Amino acid sequence: MFNNLSEKLDKALHTLKGHGKITEVNVAETLKEVRRALLDADVNFKIAKDFTKRVQTAAIGQDVLTTLNPGQLLVKLVKDELTKLMGGDTVGINLSGAPTVILMSGLQGSGKTTFSGKLANYLKTKKSKQVLLVGCDVYRPAAINQLQVVGEQIGVEVYAEVGNNNPVEISLNALKHAKATGKNVVIIDTAGRLAVDTEMMNEISNIHKAVHPQETLFVVDSMTGQDAVNTAKTFNDILNFDGVVLTKLDGDTRGGAALSIKSVVDKPIKFIGTGEKMDAIDVFHPDRMADRILGMGDVISLVERAQDQYDEEEARKLQKKIAKNQFGFDDFLSQIQQIKKMGSMKDLMGMIPGAGKAMKDVDIDDDSFKGIEAIIYSMTPSERSTPRTINASRKKRIAKGSGTSIQEVNQLMKQFNQMSKMMKMMQGGGGKKMMQMMKGMQ
């Protein structure tokens, strides 16, 4: 996400990273390039201008010109201002109320229905909530059917009244149903239009007045840039919504919406959508996003995703297998599945400091594990549990069965053996020895 913006900001700031004498003139020139990068990302001109002015004022105030690492300090000041621009603090979702009512709003195509499902799945799995999804889009063909498919996929009930074209009535009936069935969160998916119109705004305003939601969220397609910000202002004038959701951040997002929307509507970004899967949802952290935009990665979010997939019981079993030298290809396959659940490979690489920049021209395919999986699935159960039994003739059979070459099978075997040795070293108290080896490789 934000690849173009990250690259341009990096170029703009690179001139001050240890190159020559730092002066007020070249600080001003650098910030001019920063402003140009923000404008290219579809950030409002006034916001971009005010942003660079604040950075320049802070730089002069902290005497950036006489510090030992002025370039690094300027990067820090840019990061701090980016964080403030996107909201400063992380703002959680309000789950008060019995039940909590969450009203989704936004234009057609912004991803409201899909995100409603993602939010329901998040609240069910992470917050242990009993969620009811409500289909109030009575205009778009198959809209309710889409919500029902999503609900079935995540195991959440969907309330709908086919044939009833009164969304206010449907919403109120859904609340009664939620109370009767013990649901503690109700997510109402409303209708969108291709453009803002009076009928649409009146309808969602009437729903809002009828159900008194604890949370009203405005869903924004982050790829629409400044247009999304203008639409958000219109919705906010009518609904006074509580927060923003940015969808489709896994695409080639310019970043204008994420960087501008807080300044325009003064409402926090609460969630972001980072992919098509139902678990591709993250709480928005302005400081972490600023780090990622500046190529510093997001190790905290990476660790949190890993922890979500971490199973203590499975880890104990794996530990015993490693200790007994019984780590096999089934275990290797299990580790791959856990990595895949963490999100797209491109997104994960962007969380590793420096990796996003290093891999910017590399096409990271989420199907890159398929060849490895095909090879492992072509092995017999015995071969998977005891890889040392795989000889030349078995490799030939495995390659043929998986549609790969013997060289690819050999490469996987080599990688597997290296991973096994590393895990054995860590298991056997060789962590310090391993760290020394890694230092020697730098």
Protein backbone atom coordinates (compact mmCIF):
# COMPACT_ATOMS: atom_id res chain seq x y z
CA MET A 1 0.00 0.00 0.00
CA PHE A 2 1.11 3.61 -0.66
CA ASN A 3 4.07 2.33 -2.71
CA ASN A 4 4.31 5.40 -4.96
CA LEU A 5 4.02 7.83 -2.06
CA SER A 6 6.62 5.90 -0.05
CA GLU A 7 9.06 5.92 -2.95
CA LYS A 8 8.68 9.66 -3.62
CA LEU A 9 9.01 10.59 0.05
CA ASP A 10 12.11 8.43 0.31
CA LYS A 11 13.69 10.24 -2.66
CA ALA A 12 12.76 13.64 -1.23
CA LEU A 13 14.26 12.89 2.18
CA HIS A 14 17.32 11.04 0.89
CA THR A 15 19.11 14.25 -0.02
CA LEU A 16 19.39 15.17 3.67
CA LYS A 17 20.55 11.76 4.93
CA GLY A 18 24.25 12.38 5.54
CA HIS A 19 24.96 14.28 2.32
CA GLY A 20 26.84 17.56 2.69
CA LYS A 21 25.98 20.50 4.87
CA ILE A 22 22.35 20.96 5.89
CA THR A 23 21.02 24.48 5.40
CA GLU A 24 17.67 26.25 5.61
CA VAL A 25 17.70 26.36 1.82
CA ASN A 26 18.04 22.63 1.19
CA VAL A 27 15.62 21.81 4.04
CA ALA A 28 13.10 24.05 2.26
CA GLU A 29 13.90 22.34 -1.08
CA THR A 30 13.43 18.91 0.49
CA LEU A 31 10.07 19.86 1.98
CA LYS A 32 9.04 21.26 -1.41
CA GLU A 33 9.61 17.75 -2.82
CA VAL A 34 7.69 16.28 0.12
CA ARG A 35 4.76 18.58 -0.70
CA ARG A 36 4.94 17.52 -4.36
CA ALA A 37 4.85 13.84 -3.30
CA LEU A 38 1.74 14.50 -1.19
CA LEU A 39 0.02 16.31 -4.06
CA ASP A 40 0.84 13.41 -6.42
CA ALA A 41 -0.83 11.13 -3.87
CA ASP A 42 -4.02 13.23 -4.31
CA VAL A 43 -3.74 15.03 -0.97
CA ASN A 44 -5.60 18.35 -0.84
CA PHE A 45 -3.27 21.26 -1.73
CA LYS A 46 -3.98 23.27 1.44
CA ILE A 47 -3.43 20.20 3.64
CA ALA A 48 -0.13 19.41 1.88
CA LYS A 49 1.02 23.03 2.18
CA ASP A 50 0.11 23.25 5.89
CA PHE A 51 1.80 19.90 6.51
CA THR A 52 5.19 20.96 5.11
CA LYS A 53 4.93 24.35 6.84
CA ARG A 54 4.47 22.59 10.22
CA VAL A 55 7.45 20.31 9.55
CA GLN A 56 9.62 23.30 8.59
CA THR A 57 8.59 25.22 11.73
CA ALA A 58 9.32 22.18 13.91
CA ALA A 59 12.70 21.68 12.19
CA ILE A 60 13.78 25.24 12.86
CA GLY A 61 12.41 25.05 16.40
CA GLN A 62 14.47 21.93 17.16
CA ASP A 63 17.59 23.44 15.57
CA VAL A 64 17.75 20.68 12.98
CA LEU A 65 20.54 22.46 11.12
CA THR A 66 23.13 21.93 13.89
CA THR A 67 22.32 18.36 14.95
CA LEU A 68 24.63 15.41 14.20
CA ASN A 69 21.97 13.61 12.13
CA PRO A 70 19.75 16.36 10.66
CA GLY A 71 18.44 14.07 7.93
CA GLN A 72 17.29 11.50 10.48
CA LEU A 73 15.70 14.17 12.63
CA LEU A 74 13.79 15.56 9.65
CA VAL A 75 12.50 12.05 8.86
CA LYS A 76 11.28 11.80 12.46
CA LEU A 77 9.53 15.18 12.19
CA VAL A 78 7.84 14.10 8.94
CA LYS A 79 6.76 10.85 10.62
CA ASP A 80 5.33 12.72 13.62
CA GLU A 81 3.37 15.08 11.38
CA LEU A 82 2.08 12.19 9.22
CA THR A 83 0.86 10.50 12.39
CA LYS A 84 -0.96 13.67 13.50
CA LEU A 85 -2.39 14.15 10.00
CA MET A 86 -3.97 10.69 10.10
CA GLY A 87 -5.45 11.17 13.56
CA GLY A 88 -2.63 10.79 16.06
CA ASP A 89 -4.16 8.22 18.40
CA THR A 90 -5.76 4.86 17.67
CA VAL A 91 -9.53 5.08 18.24
CA GLY A 92 -11.41 1.88 19.01
CA ILE A 93 -15.00 0.98 18.22
CA ASN A 94 -17.76 1.82 20.70
CA LEU A 95 -19.40 -1.44 21.82
CA SER A 96 -21.74 -0.01 24.46
CA GLY A 97 -25.48 -0.60 24.20
CA ALA A 98 -27.68 -3.66 24.48
CA PRO A 99 -27.39 -4.47 21.68
CA THR A 100 -24.67 -2.30 20.11
CA VAL A 101 -25.96 -0.92 16.80
CA ILE A 102 -23.43 -0.21 14.05
CA LEU A 103 -24.71 1.62 10.97
CA MET A 104 -22.67 1.30 7.76
CA SER A 105 -22.80 4.13 5.21
CA GLY A 106 -21.09 4.98 1.95
CA LEU A 107 -21.42 5.04 -1.82
CA GLN A 108 -22.14 1.98 -3.96
CA GLY A 109 -18.96 0.07 -4.74
CA SER A 110 -17.08 1.30 -1.67
CA GLY A 111 -17.11 -2.19 -0.17
CA LYS A 112 -19.80 -1.72 2.53
CA THR A 113 -21.30 -5.19 2.32
CA THR A 114 -17.96 -7.01 2.28
CA PHE A 115 -16.66 -4.88 5.14
CA SER A 116 -19.85 -5.47 7.14
CA GLY A 117 -18.98 -9.17 6.95
CA LYS A 118 -15.35 -8.54 7.90
CA LEU A 119 -16.41 -6.43 10.89
CA ALA A 120 -18.92 -9.10 11.98
CA ASN A 121 -16.19 -11.75 11.74
CA TYR A 122 -13.74 -9.53 13.68
CA LEU A 123 -16.24 -8.89 16.49
CA LYS A 124 -17.20 -12.56 16.62
CA THR A 125 -13.66 -13.99 16.69
CA LYS A 126 -11.69 -11.22 18.45
CA LYS A 127 -14.32 -9.77 20.80
CA SER A 128 -16.49 -12.90 21.35
CA LYS A 129 -19.67 -11.07 20.30
CA GLN A 130 -22.95 -12.54 19.06
CA VAL A 131 -23.48 -10.59 15.84
CA LEU A 132 -26.52 -10.06 13.63
CA LEU A 133 -26.05 -8.72 10.09
CA VAL A 134 -29.01 -6.77 8.67
CA GLY A 135 -29.67 -6.37 4.94
CA CYS A 136 -31.19 -2.94 4.28
CA ASP A 137 -30.06 -2.48 0.68
CA VAL A 138 -33.46 -3.01 -0.94
CA TYR A 139 -32.47 -1.56 -4.33
CA ARG A 140 -29.31 -3.23 -5.60
CA PRO A 141 -30.03 -6.59 -7.25
CA ALA A 142 -28.73 -9.53 -5.21
CA ALA A 143 -27.43 -7.23 -2.42
CA ILE A 144 -29.20 -9.19 0.32
CA ASN A 145 -28.10 -12.46 -1.28
CA GLN A 146 -24.49 -11.23 -1.20
CA LEU A 147 -24.82 -10.45 2.52
CA GLN A 148 -26.32 -13.89 3.15
CA VAL A 149 -23.40 -15.56 1.37
CA VAL A 150 -20.99 -13.55 3.52
CA GLY A 151 -22.93 -14.42 6.68
CA GLU A 152 -22.88 -18.12 5.86
CA GLN A 153 -19.15 -17.94 5.17
CA ILE A 154 -18.35 -16.53 8.63
CA GLY A 155 -21.12 -18.27 10.57
CA VAL A 156 -23.13 -15.12 11.39
CA GLU A 157 -26.94 -14.83 11.11
CA VAL A 158 -28.33 -12.44 8.50
CA TYR A 159 -31.69 -10.73 9.03
CA ALA A 160 -33.54 -9.81 5.85
CA GLU A 161 -37.16 -9.21 4.79
CA VAL A 162 -37.45 -10.07 1.12
CA GLY A 163 -40.23 -8.02 -0.46
CA ASN A 164 -40.17 -5.29 2.19
CA ASN A 165 -38.85 -2.07 0.63
CA ASN A 166 -38.89 -0.02 3.83
CA PRO A 167 -35.33 -0.05 5.29
CA VAL A 168 -36.39 1.82 8.46
CA GLU A 169 -39.00 -0.82 9.21
CA ILE A 170 -36.52 -3.63 8.47
CA SER A 171 -33.96 -2.06 10.82
CA LEU A 172 -36.44 -1.75 13.72
CA ASN A 173 -37.68 -5.33 13.21
CA ALA A 174 -34.06 -6.52 13.15
CA LEU A 175 -33.42 -4.86 16.53
CA LYS A 176 -36.40 -6.70 18.03
CA HIS A 177 -35.09 -9.96 16.57
CA ALA A 178 -31.61 -9.31 17.96
CA LYS A 179 -32.95 -8.78 21.48
CA ALA A 180 -35.14 -11.89 21.23
CA THR A 181 -32.23 -14.08 20.07
CA GLY A 182 -29.54 -12.75 22.44
CA LYS A 183 -27.45 -10.89 19.88
CA ASN A 184 -25.27 -8.15 21.40
CA VAL A 185 -24.11 -6.46 18.16
CA VAL A 186 -26.27 -5.48 15.17
CA ILE A 187 -24.54 -4.36 11.95
CA ILE A 188 -26.87 -2.63 9.47
CA ASP A 189 -25.73 -2.70 5.84
CA THR A 190 -27.44 0.18 4.05
CA ALA A 191 -27.96 0.98 0.38
CA GLY A 192 -25.44 3.03 -1.58
CA ARG A 193 -25.71 5.00 -4.80
CA LEU A 194 -23.24 5.77 -7.55
CA ALA A 195 -23.37 9.40 -6.40
CA VAL A 196 -24.74 11.33 -3.44
CA ASP A 197 -28.43 12.26 -3.91
CA THR A 198 -31.17 13.68 -1.72
CA GLU A 199 -33.20 10.45 -1.61
CA MET A 200 -30.20 8.44 -0.45
CA MET A 201 -29.25 10.93 2.29
CA ASN A 202 -32.85 11.19 3.55
CA GLU A 203 -33.15 7.41 3.73
CA ILE A 204 -29.97 6.79 5.73
CA SER A 205 -30.77 9.80 7.94
CA ASN A 206 -34.18 8.25 8.74
CA ILE A 207 -32.56 4.90 9.60
CA HIS A 208 -30.06 6.73 11.82
CA LYS A 209 -32.85 8.56 13.70
CA ALA A 210 -34.86 5.34 14.12
CA VAL A 211 -32.16 3.00 15.46
CA HIS A 212 -29.91 5.47 17.38
CA PRO A 213 -26.64 3.64 16.54
CA GLN A 214 -23.69 3.62 18.94
CA GLU A 215 -21.41 3.65 15.87
CA THR A 216 -21.99 5.12 12.43
CA LEU A 217 -19.14 4.23 10.10
CA PHE A 218 -18.47 5.77 6.70
CA VAL A 219 -16.87 3.29 4.27
CA VAL A 220 -14.41 4.79 1.77
CA ASP A 221 -12.83 3.19 -1.28
CA SER A 222 -9.24 4.36 -0.65
CA MET A 223 -8.41 4.20 -4.36
CA THR A 224 -10.78 7.10 -5.14
CA GLY A 225 -8.53 9.64 -3.41
CA GLN A 226 -9.79 13.20 -2.98
CA ASP A 227 -13.28 12.38 -4.32
CA ALA A 228 -13.76 10.08 -1.32
CA VAL A 229 -12.84 12.91 1.04
CA ASN A 230 -15.42 15.24 -0.54
CA THR A 231 -18.09 12.51 -0.29
CA ALA A 232 -17.16 11.91 3.36
CA LYS A 233 -17.77 15.58 4.12
CA THR A 234 -21.25 15.42 2.58
CA PHE A 235 -22.16 12.31 4.60
CA ASN A 236 -20.74 13.79 7.79
CA ASP A 237 -22.81 16.96 7.40
CA ILE A 238 -25.95 14.79 7.41
CA LEU A 239 -25.06 11.90 9.74
CA ASN A 240 -22.27 13.28 11.93
CA PHE A 241 -20.70 9.79 11.70
CA ASP A 242 -18.29 8.42 14.31
CA GLY A 243 -15.48 7.04 12.19
CA VAL A 244 -14.11 6.11 8.78
CA VAL A 245 -13.30 2.74 7.24
CA LEU A 246 -10.74 2.62 4.40
CA THR A 247 -11.21 -0.34 2.07
CA LYS A 248 -9.06 -1.74 -0.75
CA LEU A 249 -5.76 -0.68 0.82
CA ASP A 250 -4.19 -3.80 -0.69
CA GLY A 251 -4.36 -2.17 -4.14
CA ASP A 252 -2.11 0.49 -5.63
CA THR A 253 -3.50 3.15 -3.30
CA ARG A 254 -2.37 6.74 -3.84
CA GLY A 255 -3.01 7.61 -0.21
CA GLY A 256 -4.94 10.87 -0.58
CA ALA A 257 -7.99 9.65 1.34
CA ALA A 258 -6.01 8.25 4.27
CA LEU A 259 -3.91 11.40 4.61
CA SER A 260 -6.65 13.99 4.07
CA ILE A 261 -9.87 12.68 5.55
CA LYS A 262 -9.15 13.37 9.23
CA SER A 263 -8.31 17.01 8.48
CA VAL A 264 -11.50 17.52 6.46
CA VAL A 265 -14.15 15.78 8.60
CA ASP A 266 -12.31 15.64 11.95
CA LYS A 267 -13.31 12.01 12.45
CA PRO A 268 -10.89 9.13 13.10
CA ILE A 269 -10.08 6.31 10.71
CA LYS A 270 -11.06 3.25 12.75
CA PHE A 271 -10.51 0.27 10.45
CA ILE A 272 -8.79 -0.61 7.18
CA GLY A 273 -9.52 -3.42 4.74
CA THR A 274 -6.39 -5.09 3.39
CA GLY A 275 -7.67 -7.84 1.11
CA GLU A 276 -10.60 -9.93 -0.08
CA LYS A 277 -10.64 -12.52 2.72
CA MET A 278 -12.97 -12.12 5.68
CA ASP A 279 -10.08 -11.78 8.12
CA ALA A 280 -8.38 -9.03 6.04
CA ILE A 281 -9.29 -6.27 8.48
CA ASP A 282 -7.02 -4.23 10.76
CA VAL A 283 -7.60 -1.63 13.43
CA PHE A 284 -6.09 1.61 12.10
CA HIS A 285 -2.97 2.82 13.92
CA PRO A 286 -1.83 6.23 12.57
CA ASP A 287 1.73 5.86 13.94
CA ARG A 288 2.20 2.42 12.38
CA MET A 289 0.82 3.61 9.04
CA ALA A 290 3.23 6.57 9.11
CA ASP A 291 6.10 4.11 9.66
CA ARG A 292 4.99 2.05 6.67
CA ILE A 293 4.63 5.09 4.41
CA LEU A 294 8.21 6.09 5.28
CA GLY A 295 9.52 2.56 4.63
CA MET A 296 10.13 1.76 8.32
CA GLY A 297 7.88 -1.28 8.33
CA ASP A 298 5.32 -2.27 10.95
CA VAL A 299 6.83 -5.00 13.12
CA ILE A 300 4.19 -4.63 15.85
CA SER A 301 1.32 -5.44 13.47
CA LEU A 302 3.34 -8.31 11.99
CA VAL A 303 3.86 -9.81 15.46
CA GLU A 304 0.17 -9.33 16.30
CA ARG A 305 -0.86 -11.20 13.15
CA ALA A 306 1.56 -14.01 13.99
CA GLN A 307 0.15 -14.23 17.52
CA ASP A 308 -3.39 -14.51 16.13
CA GLN A 309 -2.33 -17.68 14.29
CA TYR A 310 -0.26 -19.02 17.19
CA ASP A 311 -1.61 -22.19 18.82
CA GLU A 312 0.12 -23.03 22.12
CA GLU A 313 -0.85 -26.70 22.05
CA GLU A 314 0.40 -27.13 18.49
CA ALA A 315 3.59 -25.27 19.43
CA ARG A 316 4.24 -27.70 22.31
CA LYS A 317 3.74 -30.70 20.01
CA LEU A 318 6.09 -29.16 17.44
CA GLN A 319 8.67 -28.49 20.16
CA LYS A 320 8.67 -32.17 21.14
CA LYS A 321 9.03 -33.28 17.52
CA ILE A 322 11.99 -30.96 17.00
CA ALA A 323 13.63 -32.24 20.19
CA LYS A 324 13.25 -35.85 18.97
CA ASN A 325 14.35 -34.95 15.42
CA GLN A 326 10.88 -35.90 14.14
CA PHE A 327 10.06 -32.64 12.33
CA GLY A 328 8.51 -33.68 9.00
CA PHE A 329 6.91 -32.26 5.88
CA ASP A 330 3.41 -32.35 7.45
CA ASP A 331 4.72 -29.96 10.11
CA PHE A 332 6.39 -27.86 7.40
CA LEU A 333 3.07 -27.71 5.55
CA SER A 334 1.30 -26.63 8.74
CA GLN A 335 3.73 -23.71 9.14
CA ILE A 336 3.04 -22.62 5.55
CA GLN A 337 -0.73 -22.64 6.20
CA GLN A 338 -0.26 -20.39 9.24
CA ILE A 339 1.82 -17.91 7.22
CA LYS A 340 -0.86 -17.82 4.50
CA LYS A 341 -3.53 -17.00 7.09
CA MET A 342 -1.57 -13.93 8.17
CA GLY A 343 -2.41 -12.08 4.93
CA SER A 344 -1.04 -11.41 1.47
CA MET A 345 2.72 -11.84 1.06
CA LYS A 346 3.09 -8.32 -0.34
CA ASP A 347 1.35 -6.87 2.72
CA LEU A 348 3.52 -8.93 5.10
CA MET A 349 6.70 -7.87 3.30
CA GLY A 350 5.66 -4.24 3.72
CA MET A 351 5.65 -4.74 7.49
CA ILE A 352 9.32 -5.72 7.56
CA PRO A 353 11.58 -2.64 7.82
CA GLY A 354 13.39 -2.07 4.52
CA ALA A 355 11.84 -5.11 2.83
CA GLY A 356 9.09 -3.14 1.08
CA LYS A 357 11.66 -0.94 -0.65
CA ALA A 358 13.95 -3.85 -1.49
CA MET A 359 11.07 -5.86 -3.00
CA LYS A 360 9.28 -2.98 -4.77
CA ASP A 361 10.04 -4.32 -8.27
CA VAL A 362 9.51 -7.97 -7.32
CA ASP A 363 6.12 -9.48 -8.13
CA ILE A 364 5.19 -11.38 -4.96
CA ASP A 365 2.53 -13.91 -5.88
CA ASP A 366 0.22 -15.17 -3.13
CA ASP A 367 0.21 -18.49 -5.01
CA SER A 368 3.98 -18.84 -4.56
CA PHE A 369 3.44 -21.63 -2.02
CA LYS A 370 1.39 -23.74 -4.43
CA GLY A 371 4.43 -25.45 -5.96
CA ILE A 372 5.76 -26.37 -2.51
CA GLU A 373 2.34 -27.65 -1.44
CA ALA A 374 2.00 -29.70 -4.64
CA ILE A 375 5.37 -31.37 -4.00
CA ILE A 376 4.50 -32.20 -0.38
CA TYR A 377 1.02 -33.51 -1.31
CA SER A 378 2.69 -35.79 -3.90
CA MET A 379 4.64 -37.54 -1.11
CA THR A 380 3.33 -40.59 0.70
CA PRO A 381 2.43 -40.23 4.42
CA SER A 382 5.59 -42.18 5.24
CA GLU A 383 7.78 -39.86 3.15
CA ARG A 384 6.29 -36.79 4.80
CA SER A 385 6.97 -38.08 8.31
CA THR A 386 10.46 -39.42 7.52
CA PRO A 387 11.96 -37.23 4.74
CA ARG A 388 15.34 -39.03 4.92
CA THR A 389 13.72 -41.99 3.12
CA ILE A 390 13.23 -39.91 -0.03
CA ASN A 391 15.81 -41.21 -2.51
CA ALA A 392 16.42 -40.41 -6.19
CA SER A 393 13.67 -42.68 -7.56
CA ARG A 394 11.15 -41.28 -5.06
CA LYS A 395 12.11 -37.73 -6.03
CA LYS A 396 11.46 -38.59 -9.67
CA ARG A 397 8.00 -39.91 -8.78
CA ILE A 398 7.21 -36.86 -6.57
CA ALA A 399 8.29 -34.43 -9.32
CA LYS A 400 6.09 -36.18 -11.85
CA GLY A 401 3.11 -36.29 -9.48
CA SER A 402 3.39 -32.58 -8.58
CA GLY A 403 4.06 -31.31 -12.10
CA THR A 404 7.45 -29.95 -11.05
CA SER A 405 11.07 -30.81 -11.84
CA ILE A 406 13.55 -32.92 -9.86
CA GLN A 407 15.58 -29.71 -9.36
CA GLU A 408 12.59 -28.07 -7.64
CA VAL A 409 12.12 -31.12 -5.40
CA ASN A 410 15.83 -31.02 -4.52
CA GLN A 411 15.60 -27.32 -3.75
CA LEU A 412 12.66 -27.89 -1.40
CA MET A 413 14.52 -30.74 0.31
CA LYS A 414 17.52 -28.45 0.81
CA GLN A 415 15.37 -25.65 2.25
CA PHE A 416 13.60 -28.12 4.52
CA ASN A 417 16.90 -29.49 5.85
CA GLN A 418 18.21 -25.98 6.51
CA MET A 419 15.02 -25.05 8.37
CA SER A 420 15.18 -28.27 10.42
CA LYS A 421 18.79 -27.57 11.44
CA MET A 422 17.94 -24.00 12.41
CA MET A 423 14.97 -25.09 14.52
CA LYS A 424 17.05 -27.83 16.15
CA MET A 425 19.75 -25.26 16.97
CA MET A 426 17.22 -22.94 18.59
CA GLN A 427 15.63 -25.85 20.47
CA GLY A 428 18.95 -27.08 21.80
CA GLY A 429 19.89 -23.81 23.44
CA GLY A 430 21.94 -22.73 20.45
CA GLY A 431 20.20 -19.38 20.17
CA LYS A 432 23.33 -17.45 21.20
CA LYS A 433 25.47 -19.46 18.81
CA MET A 434 22.99 -18.77 16.02
CA MET A 435 23.01 -15.02 16.78
CA GLN A 436 26.83 -15.05 16.58
CA MET A 437 26.64 -16.79 13.21
CA MET A 438 24.15 -14.20 11.92
CA LYS A 439 26.37 -11.33 13.10
CA GLY A 440 29.30 -12.88 11.27
CA MET A 441 27.25 -12.92 8.05
CA GLN A 442 26.57 -9.16 8.15
